[in-house]
Amino acid sequence: MDSMELPEDVREQLAGFEAAVASVEHGLEPLLQADRRELEAALSPVERAKVHVTLANAVTTLFCMYLKTVGLDPADHAVARELERVELYRAKVDRAGDGHTDGAGGRDRRAPTLDVAAAKRFIEHGADLTAAQKGALRAAGGAGAGGSAAEDA
């Protein structure tokens, strides 16, 4: 065996690595060739955030691959914390994307909700209501929702 010749298992790993890099380059090619302003104008805010998080993940992963090629463990490098941070943002973006949409470009429009019991407490304690009015308020909201009998006194 020549001193410059690589062992078979190393050549196989190198071929797999080159194939992985080629696959990443092929996957990112449309995004890298597109005009960034046009791309962002066509996307909703949540979609833009997903693109940004995906790109951050791709760059960080490529850097991890580089570290491995030079013999460093990415887990012992600051890039490990960066990957964790990117994953936290990915989770936030995924939660934002799970909201209701208004049908206009998929923008996140969460439906407002009302805590009825809290609203009744605000009205009861904020307004100067008579005992009869408080009773009518509780009756309108259902039995047991609202205050106690001690609050009527």
N, C-alpha and C. Protein backbone atom coordinates (compact mmCIF):
# COMPACT_ATOMS: atom_id res chain seq x y z
N MET A 1 0.85 -1.17 0.00
CA MET A 1 0.00 0.00 0.00
C MET A 1 0.90 1.24 0.00
N ASP A 2 0.62 2.18 -0.89
CA ASP A 2 1.38 3.42 -1.00
C ASP A 2 1.04 4.30 0.21
N SER A 3 2.02 5.09 0.68
CA SER A 3 1.81 5.93 1.86
C SER A 3 0.78 7.03 1.61
N MET A 4 0.54 7.41 0.35
CA MET A 4 -0.43 8.46 0.04
C MET A 4 -1.82 7.90 -0.24
N GLU A 5 -1.94 6.60 -0.32
CA GLU A 5 -3.24 5.98 -0.62
C GLU A 5 -4.06 5.86 0.65
N LEU A 6 -5.34 6.22 0.56
CA LEU A 6 -6.24 6.15 1.71
C LEU A 6 -6.80 4.75 1.86
N PRO A 7 -7.04 4.32 3.09
CA PRO A 7 -7.70 3.03 3.29
C PRO A 7 -9.10 3.04 2.69
N GLU A 8 -9.59 1.87 2.36
CA GLU A 8 -10.89 1.73 1.70
C GLU A 8 -12.03 2.34 2.53
N ASP A 9 -12.05 2.09 3.83
CA ASP A 9 -13.14 2.62 4.67
C ASP A 9 -13.11 4.16 4.72
N VAL A 10 -11.93 4.76 4.69
CA VAL A 10 -11.82 6.21 4.68
C VAL A 10 -12.31 6.77 3.35
N ARG A 11 -11.97 6.08 2.27
CA ARG A 11 -12.44 6.53 0.95
C ARG A 11 -13.97 6.46 0.86
N GLU A 12 -14.55 5.43 1.44
CA GLU A 12 -16.01 5.31 1.43
C GLU A 12 -16.65 6.43 2.25
N GLN A 13 -16.07 6.74 3.41
CA GLN A 13 -16.60 7.83 4.24
C GLN A 13 -16.44 9.17 3.53
N LEU A 14 -15.32 9.36 2.84
CA LEU A 14 -15.09 10.59 2.10
C LEU A 14 -16.09 10.73 0.95
N ALA A 15 -16.35 9.63 0.27
CA ALA A 15 -17.34 9.66 -0.81
C ALA A 15 -18.73 9.99 -0.26
N GLY A 16 -19.09 9.43 0.88
CA GLY A 16 -20.37 9.74 1.50
C GLY A 16 -20.45 11.19 1.92
N PHE A 17 -19.35 11.73 2.45
CA PHE A 17 -19.29 13.13 2.85
C PHE A 17 -19.46 14.03 1.64
N GLU A 18 -18.75 13.74 0.55
CA GLU A 18 -18.87 14.55 -0.67
C GLU A 18 -20.29 14.49 -1.22
N ALA A 19 -20.92 13.33 -1.15
CA ALA A 19 -22.30 13.20 -1.62
C ALA A 19 -23.24 14.04 -0.75
N ALA A 20 -22.99 14.07 0.57
CA ALA A 20 -23.84 14.86 1.47
C ALA A 20 -23.68 16.35 1.18
N VAL A 21 -22.44 16.80 0.96
CA VAL A 21 -22.20 18.21 0.65
C VAL A 21 -22.86 18.58 -0.68
N ALA A 22 -22.74 17.70 -1.68
CA ALA A 22 -23.37 17.95 -2.98
C ALA A 22 -24.88 18.04 -2.84
N SER A 23 -25.45 17.20 -1.99
CA SER A 23 -26.90 17.22 -1.77
C SER A 23 -27.33 18.53 -1.11
N VAL A 24 -26.55 19.00 -0.15
CA VAL A 24 -26.87 20.27 0.52
C VAL A 24 -26.77 21.42 -0.48
N GLU A 25 -25.70 21.42 -1.28
CA GLU A 25 -25.52 22.47 -2.28
C GLU A 25 -26.68 22.46 -3.27
N HIS A 26 -27.09 21.26 -3.71
CA HIS A 26 -28.20 21.15 -4.65
C HIS A 26 -29.51 21.65 -4.01
N GLY A 27 -29.72 21.34 -2.74
CA GLY A 27 -30.94 21.76 -2.05
C GLY A 27 -31.00 23.26 -1.82
N LEU A 28 -29.84 23.87 -1.57
CA LEU A 28 -29.80 25.31 -1.30
C LEU A 28 -29.70 26.15 -2.57
N GLU A 29 -29.38 25.54 -3.69
CA GLU A 29 -29.17 26.28 -4.94
C GLU A 29 -30.33 27.19 -5.32
N PRO A 30 -31.58 26.72 -5.32
CA PRO A 30 -32.68 27.63 -5.69
C PRO A 30 -32.80 28.83 -4.75
N LEU A 31 -32.57 28.59 -3.49
CA LEU A 31 -32.67 29.67 -2.51
C LEU A 31 -31.54 30.68 -2.68
N LEU A 32 -30.36 30.19 -2.95
CA LEU A 32 -29.20 31.08 -3.08
C LEU A 32 -29.23 31.86 -4.40
N GLN A 33 -29.88 31.32 -5.43
CA GLN A 33 -29.95 31.99 -6.72
C GLN A 33 -31.10 33.00 -6.78
N ALA A 34 -32.08 32.86 -5.89
CA ALA A 34 -33.24 33.75 -5.91
C ALA A 34 -32.86 35.12 -5.36
N ASP A 35 -33.59 36.13 -5.82
CA ASP A 35 -33.41 37.48 -5.29
C ASP A 35 -34.03 37.51 -3.90
N ARG A 36 -33.25 37.85 -2.90
CA ARG A 36 -33.69 37.80 -1.51
C ARG A 36 -34.90 38.70 -1.26
N ARG A 37 -34.90 39.89 -1.83
CA ARG A 37 -36.02 40.83 -1.61
C ARG A 37 -37.31 40.30 -2.21
N GLU A 38 -37.22 39.74 -3.41
CA GLU A 38 -38.43 39.19 -4.04
C GLU A 38 -38.94 37.99 -3.25
N LEU A 39 -38.00 37.15 -2.80
CA LEU A 39 -38.38 35.97 -2.04
C LEU A 39 -39.08 36.37 -0.74
N GLU A 40 -38.51 37.31 -0.01
CA GLU A 40 -39.10 37.72 1.25
C GLU A 40 -40.43 38.45 1.06
N ALA A 41 -40.58 39.17 -0.05
CA ALA A 41 -41.84 39.87 -0.31
C ALA A 41 -42.97 38.88 -0.58
N ALA A 42 -42.62 37.72 -1.12
CA ALA A 42 -43.63 36.73 -1.47
C ALA A 42 -44.02 35.85 -0.28
N LEU A 43 -43.30 35.94 0.83
CA LEU A 43 -43.55 35.07 1.97
C LEU A 43 -44.24 35.82 3.10
N SER A 44 -45.01 35.08 3.88
CA SER A 44 -45.60 35.64 5.08
C SER A 44 -44.51 35.76 6.14
N PRO A 45 -44.74 36.51 7.20
CA PRO A 45 -43.72 36.63 8.26
C PRO A 45 -43.31 35.28 8.86
N VAL A 46 -44.28 34.39 9.05
CA VAL A 46 -43.95 33.07 9.61
C VAL A 46 -43.11 32.27 8.62
N GLU A 47 -43.47 32.35 7.33
CA GLU A 47 -42.68 31.63 6.32
C GLU A 47 -41.26 32.20 6.23
N ARG A 48 -41.13 33.51 6.32
CA ARG A 48 -39.79 34.13 6.31
C ARG A 48 -38.98 33.65 7.50
N ALA A 49 -39.61 33.59 8.66
CA ALA A 49 -38.91 33.13 9.86
C ALA A 49 -38.46 31.67 9.69
N LYS A 50 -39.32 30.86 9.07
CA LYS A 50 -38.94 29.46 8.82
C LYS A 50 -37.74 29.37 7.89
N VAL A 51 -37.71 30.22 6.86
CA VAL A 51 -36.57 30.23 5.94
C VAL A 51 -35.31 30.63 6.68
N HIS A 52 -35.39 31.65 7.51
CA HIS A 52 -34.22 32.13 8.25
C HIS A 52 -33.70 31.07 9.22
N VAL A 53 -34.61 30.41 9.92
CA VAL A 53 -34.19 29.37 10.86
C VAL A 53 -33.58 28.19 10.11
N THR A 54 -34.16 27.83 8.98
CA THR A 54 -33.62 26.72 8.19
C THR A 54 -32.23 27.05 7.67
N LEU A 55 -32.03 28.28 7.21
CA LEU A 55 -30.71 28.68 6.74
C LEU A 55 -29.70 28.69 7.89
N ALA A 56 -30.10 29.18 9.05
CA ALA A 56 -29.20 29.18 10.20
C ALA A 56 -28.83 27.75 10.58
N ASN A 57 -29.79 26.85 10.52
CA ASN A 57 -29.52 25.45 10.82
C ASN A 57 -28.58 24.85 9.78
N ALA A 58 -28.78 25.17 8.50
CA ALA A 58 -27.92 24.64 7.44
C ALA A 58 -26.49 25.12 7.60
N VAL A 59 -26.31 26.41 7.87
CA VAL A 59 -24.96 26.96 8.02
C VAL A 59 -24.27 26.36 9.24
N THR A 60 -24.99 26.25 10.33
CA THR A 60 -24.41 25.70 11.55
C THR A 60 -24.04 24.23 11.36
N THR A 61 -24.90 23.48 10.68
CA THR A 61 -24.61 22.08 10.41
C THR A 61 -23.40 21.93 9.49
N LEU A 62 -23.31 22.79 8.48
CA LEU A 62 -22.14 22.74 7.60
C LEU A 62 -20.86 23.05 8.38
N PHE A 63 -20.94 23.98 9.31
CA PHE A 63 -19.77 24.29 10.12
C PHE A 63 -19.40 23.10 11.01
N CYS A 64 -20.40 22.39 11.52
CA CYS A 64 -20.13 21.17 12.30
C CYS A 64 -19.42 20.13 11.43
N MET A 65 -19.87 20.02 10.18
CA MET A 65 -19.21 19.09 9.25
C MET A 65 -17.76 19.50 9.04
N TYR A 66 -17.52 20.80 8.90
CA TYR A 66 -16.15 21.29 8.73
C TYR A 66 -15.31 20.93 9.95
N LEU A 67 -15.85 21.15 11.15
CA LEU A 67 -15.11 20.84 12.36
C LEU A 67 -14.72 19.36 12.41
N LYS A 68 -15.64 18.50 11.98
CA LYS A 68 -15.33 17.07 11.96
C LYS A 68 -14.21 16.76 10.97
N THR A 69 -14.19 17.48 9.83
CA THR A 69 -13.15 17.20 8.84
C THR A 69 -11.77 17.61 9.33
N VAL A 70 -11.69 18.58 10.23
CA VAL A 70 -10.39 18.99 10.75
C VAL A 70 -10.07 18.29 12.07
N GLY A 71 -10.91 17.34 12.46
CA GLY A 71 -10.62 16.52 13.62
C GLY A 71 -11.11 17.06 14.95
N LEU A 72 -11.99 18.03 14.94
CA LEU A 72 -12.54 18.58 16.17
C LEU A 72 -13.95 18.03 16.42
N ASP A 73 -14.28 17.89 17.68
CA ASP A 73 -15.61 17.42 18.06
C ASP A 73 -16.55 18.62 18.17
N PRO A 74 -17.60 18.71 17.34
CA PRO A 74 -18.52 19.85 17.41
C PRO A 74 -19.20 19.98 18.78
N ALA A 75 -19.34 18.89 19.50
CA ALA A 75 -19.99 18.95 20.81
C ALA A 75 -19.15 19.73 21.82
N ASP A 76 -17.84 19.79 21.59
CA ASP A 76 -16.94 20.53 22.48
C ASP A 76 -16.70 21.96 22.00
N HIS A 77 -17.37 22.36 20.95
CA HIS A 77 -17.16 23.68 20.34
C HIS A 77 -18.38 24.56 20.65
N ALA A 78 -18.21 25.87 20.56
CA ALA A 78 -19.31 26.81 20.80
C ALA A 78 -20.47 26.61 19.82
N VAL A 79 -20.21 25.95 18.70
CA VAL A 79 -21.27 25.73 17.71
C VAL A 79 -22.38 24.84 18.27
N ALA A 80 -22.07 24.02 19.28
CA ALA A 80 -23.11 23.18 19.88
C ALA A 80 -24.18 24.05 20.54
N ARG A 81 -23.73 25.13 21.22
CA ARG A 81 -24.71 26.05 21.82
C ARG A 81 -25.51 26.77 20.74
N GLU A 82 -24.87 27.08 19.64
CA GLU A 82 -25.58 27.73 18.53
C GLU A 82 -26.65 26.82 17.96
N LEU A 83 -26.33 25.54 17.81
CA LEU A 83 -27.34 24.59 17.33
C LEU A 83 -28.53 24.51 18.29
N GLU A 84 -28.26 24.53 19.58
CA GLU A 84 -29.34 24.51 20.57
C GLU A 84 -30.20 25.77 20.43
N ARG A 85 -29.55 26.90 20.24
CA ARG A 85 -30.27 28.17 20.09
C ARG A 85 -31.15 28.16 18.84
N VAL A 86 -30.61 27.62 17.74
CA VAL A 86 -31.38 27.52 16.50
C VAL A 86 -32.60 26.61 16.71
N GLU A 87 -32.42 25.53 17.45
CA GLU A 87 -33.54 24.63 17.71
C GLU A 87 -34.62 25.31 18.56
N LEU A 88 -34.20 26.15 19.51
CA LEU A 88 -35.19 26.90 20.30
C LEU A 88 -36.00 27.83 19.41
N TYR A 89 -35.32 28.51 18.48
CA TYR A 89 -36.03 29.39 17.55
C TYR A 89 -36.93 28.59 16.61
N ARG A 90 -36.45 27.41 16.19
CA ARG A 90 -37.30 26.56 15.33
C ARG A 90 -38.59 26.21 16.06
N ALA A 91 -38.49 25.87 17.34
CA ALA A 91 -39.69 25.53 18.12
C ALA A 91 -40.62 26.74 18.23
N LYS A 92 -40.06 27.93 18.44
CA LYS A 92 -40.88 29.15 18.51
C LYS A 92 -41.59 29.41 17.19
N VAL A 93 -40.86 29.25 16.10
CA VAL A 93 -41.45 29.49 14.78
C VAL A 93 -42.53 28.46 14.50
N ASP A 94 -42.30 27.21 14.89
CA ASP A 94 -43.31 26.18 14.69
C ASP A 94 -44.57 26.49 15.48
N ARG A 95 -44.40 26.98 16.73
CA ARG A 95 -45.58 27.36 17.52
C ARG A 95 -46.31 28.52 16.87
N ALA A 96 -45.58 29.48 16.35
CA ALA A 96 -46.21 30.63 15.69
C ALA A 96 -46.94 30.18 14.43
N GLY A 97 -46.41 29.21 13.74
CA GLY A 97 -47.03 28.72 12.51
C GLY A 97 -48.25 27.87 12.75
N ASP A 98 -48.44 27.40 14.00
CA ASP A 98 -49.60 26.56 14.32
C ASP A 98 -50.86 27.37 14.57
N GLY A 99 -50.75 28.71 14.56
CA GLY A 99 -51.90 29.57 14.84
C GLY A 99 -52.91 29.56 13.71
N HIS A 100 -54.02 30.21 13.96
CA HIS A 100 -55.07 30.33 12.95
C HIS A 100 -54.62 31.31 11.87
N THR A 101 -55.07 31.08 10.65
CA THR A 101 -54.73 32.00 9.57
C THR A 101 -55.98 32.69 9.08
N ASP A 102 -55.78 33.84 8.47
CA ASP A 102 -56.93 34.59 7.97
C ASP A 102 -57.19 34.33 6.49
N GLY A 103 -56.42 33.42 5.88
CA GLY A 103 -56.62 33.09 4.48
C GLY A 103 -55.93 34.04 3.53
N ALA A 104 -55.34 35.12 4.01
CA ALA A 104 -54.66 36.09 3.15
C ALA A 104 -53.16 35.89 3.29
N GLY A 105 -52.62 34.98 2.51
CA GLY A 105 -51.19 34.73 2.53
C GLY A 105 -50.73 33.92 3.72
N GLY A 106 -51.64 33.32 4.45
CA GLY A 106 -51.28 32.48 5.56
C GLY A 106 -50.74 33.21 6.77
N ARG A 107 -51.01 34.48 6.89
CA ARG A 107 -50.49 35.23 8.03
C ARG A 107 -51.16 34.76 9.32
N ASP A 108 -50.39 34.76 10.37
CA ASP A 108 -50.85 34.25 11.65
C ASP A 108 -51.84 35.23 12.27
N ARG A 109 -53.07 34.81 12.43
CA ARG A 109 -54.12 35.62 13.05
C ARG A 109 -54.81 34.77 14.10
N ARG A 110 -54.30 34.80 15.30
CA ARG A 110 -54.90 34.01 16.36
C ARG A 110 -56.22 34.66 16.79
N ALA A 111 -57.24 33.84 16.97
CA ALA A 111 -58.54 34.33 17.40
C ALA A 111 -58.44 34.74 18.87
N PRO A 112 -58.93 35.91 19.20
CA PRO A 112 -58.87 36.33 20.60
C PRO A 112 -59.81 35.47 21.44
N THR A 113 -59.43 35.24 22.66
CA THR A 113 -60.26 34.45 23.56
C THR A 113 -60.60 35.32 24.76
N LEU A 114 -61.69 35.00 25.41
CA LEU A 114 -62.16 35.77 26.56
C LEU A 114 -62.31 34.83 27.74
N ASP A 115 -61.70 35.18 28.83
CA ASP A 115 -61.87 34.45 30.08
C ASP A 115 -63.13 35.02 30.72
N VAL A 116 -64.24 34.31 30.56
CA VAL A 116 -65.55 34.80 30.98
C VAL A 116 -65.60 35.01 32.49
N ALA A 117 -65.04 34.06 33.25
CA ALA A 117 -65.09 34.19 34.71
C ALA A 117 -64.32 35.43 35.16
N ALA A 118 -63.16 35.67 34.54
CA ALA A 118 -62.38 36.86 34.90
C ALA A 118 -63.12 38.13 34.52
N ALA A 119 -63.79 38.12 33.39
CA ALA A 119 -64.54 39.30 32.96
C ALA A 119 -65.67 39.60 33.94
N LYS A 120 -66.34 38.56 34.42
CA LYS A 120 -67.43 38.75 35.39
C LYS A 120 -66.89 39.34 36.68
N ARG A 121 -65.72 38.85 37.12
CA ARG A 121 -65.13 39.39 38.36
C ARG A 121 -64.79 40.87 38.19
N PHE A 122 -64.25 41.23 37.02
CA PHE A 122 -63.93 42.64 36.77
C PHE A 122 -65.19 43.49 36.84
N ILE A 123 -66.25 43.01 36.22
CA ILE A 123 -67.50 43.78 36.17
C ILE A 123 -68.10 43.88 37.57
N GLU A 124 -68.13 42.75 38.29
CA GLU A 124 -68.71 42.75 39.63
C GLU A 124 -67.98 43.69 40.57
N HIS A 125 -66.65 43.64 40.53
CA HIS A 125 -65.88 44.43 41.49
C HIS A 125 -65.60 45.84 40.99
N GLY A 126 -65.65 46.03 39.71
CA GLY A 126 -65.35 47.35 39.17
C GLY A 126 -66.56 48.25 39.09
N ALA A 127 -67.71 47.66 38.92
CA ALA A 127 -68.95 48.45 38.83
C ALA A 127 -69.64 48.41 40.19
N ASP A 128 -70.36 49.46 40.49
CA ASP A 128 -71.08 49.55 41.75
C ASP A 128 -72.46 48.90 41.52
N LEU A 129 -72.51 47.58 41.67
CA LEU A 129 -73.74 46.83 41.40
C LEU A 129 -74.46 46.51 42.69
N THR A 130 -75.80 46.48 42.61
CA THR A 130 -76.60 46.05 43.75
C THR A 130 -76.57 44.53 43.81
N ALA A 131 -77.04 43.99 44.91
CA ALA A 131 -77.07 42.54 45.07
C ALA A 131 -77.92 41.90 43.98
N ALA A 132 -79.03 42.55 43.60
CA ALA A 132 -79.91 42.01 42.56
C ALA A 132 -79.19 42.01 41.21
N GLN A 133 -78.44 43.08 40.93
CA GLN A 133 -77.72 43.15 39.66
C GLN A 133 -76.61 42.08 39.60
N LYS A 134 -75.93 41.87 40.74
CA LYS A 134 -74.90 40.83 40.78
C LYS A 134 -75.53 39.45 40.55
N GLY A 135 -76.70 39.24 41.15
CA GLY A 135 -77.40 37.97 40.95
C GLY A 135 -77.79 37.77 39.50
N ALA A 136 -78.26 38.84 38.86
CA ALA A 136 -78.65 38.75 37.45
C ALA A 136 -77.42 38.47 36.58
N LEU A 137 -76.29 39.07 36.95
CA LEU A 137 -75.05 38.84 36.20
C LEU A 137 -74.62 37.38 36.31
N ARG A 138 -74.71 36.83 37.52
CA ARG A 138 -74.34 35.42 37.70
C ARG A 138 -75.32 34.51 36.95
N ALA A 139 -76.58 34.85 36.99
CA ALA A 139 -77.58 34.02 36.31
C ALA A 139 -77.37 34.04 34.80
N ALA A 140 -76.96 35.17 34.29
CA ALA A 140 -76.73 35.27 32.85
C ALA A 140 -75.52 34.44 32.42
N GLY A 141 -74.58 34.26 33.35
CA GLY A 141 -73.36 33.52 33.02
C GLY A 141 -73.45 32.06 33.39
N GLY A 142 -74.47 31.61 34.02
CA GLY A 142 -74.59 30.21 34.42
C GLY A 142 -74.39 30.08 35.90
N ALA A 143 -74.84 28.98 36.45
CA ALA A 143 -74.77 28.76 37.89
C ALA A 143 -73.33 28.51 38.30
N GLY A 144 -72.96 29.09 39.42
CA GLY A 144 -71.63 28.86 40.00
C GLY A 144 -70.54 29.69 39.38
N ALA A 145 -70.78 30.34 38.27
CA ALA A 145 -69.73 31.16 37.63
C ALA A 145 -69.81 32.54 38.21
N GLY A 146 -68.78 33.00 38.78
CA GLY A 146 -68.79 34.34 39.37
C GLY A 146 -68.31 34.25 40.79
N GLY A 147 -68.89 35.09 41.66
CA GLY A 147 -68.42 35.17 43.03
C GLY A 147 -69.18 34.23 43.92
N SER A 148 -69.00 34.43 45.22
CA SER A 148 -69.71 33.61 46.21
C SER A 148 -70.84 34.44 46.82
N ALA A 149 -71.63 33.80 47.66
CA ALA A 149 -72.75 34.49 48.30
C ALA A 149 -72.25 35.56 49.25
N ALA A 150 -71.04 35.38 49.79
CA ALA A 150 -70.49 36.36 50.71
C ALA A 150 -70.19 37.67 50.02
N GLU A 151 -69.96 37.66 48.73
CA GLU A 151 -69.68 38.89 48.00
C GLU A 151 -70.93 39.75 47.80
N ASP A 152 -72.13 39.14 47.93
CA ASP A 152 -73.35 39.89 47.73
C ASP A 152 -73.66 40.81 48.89
N ALA A 153 -73.11 40.53 50.05
CA ALA A 153 -73.41 41.33 51.25
C ALA A 153 -72.71 42.64 51.26
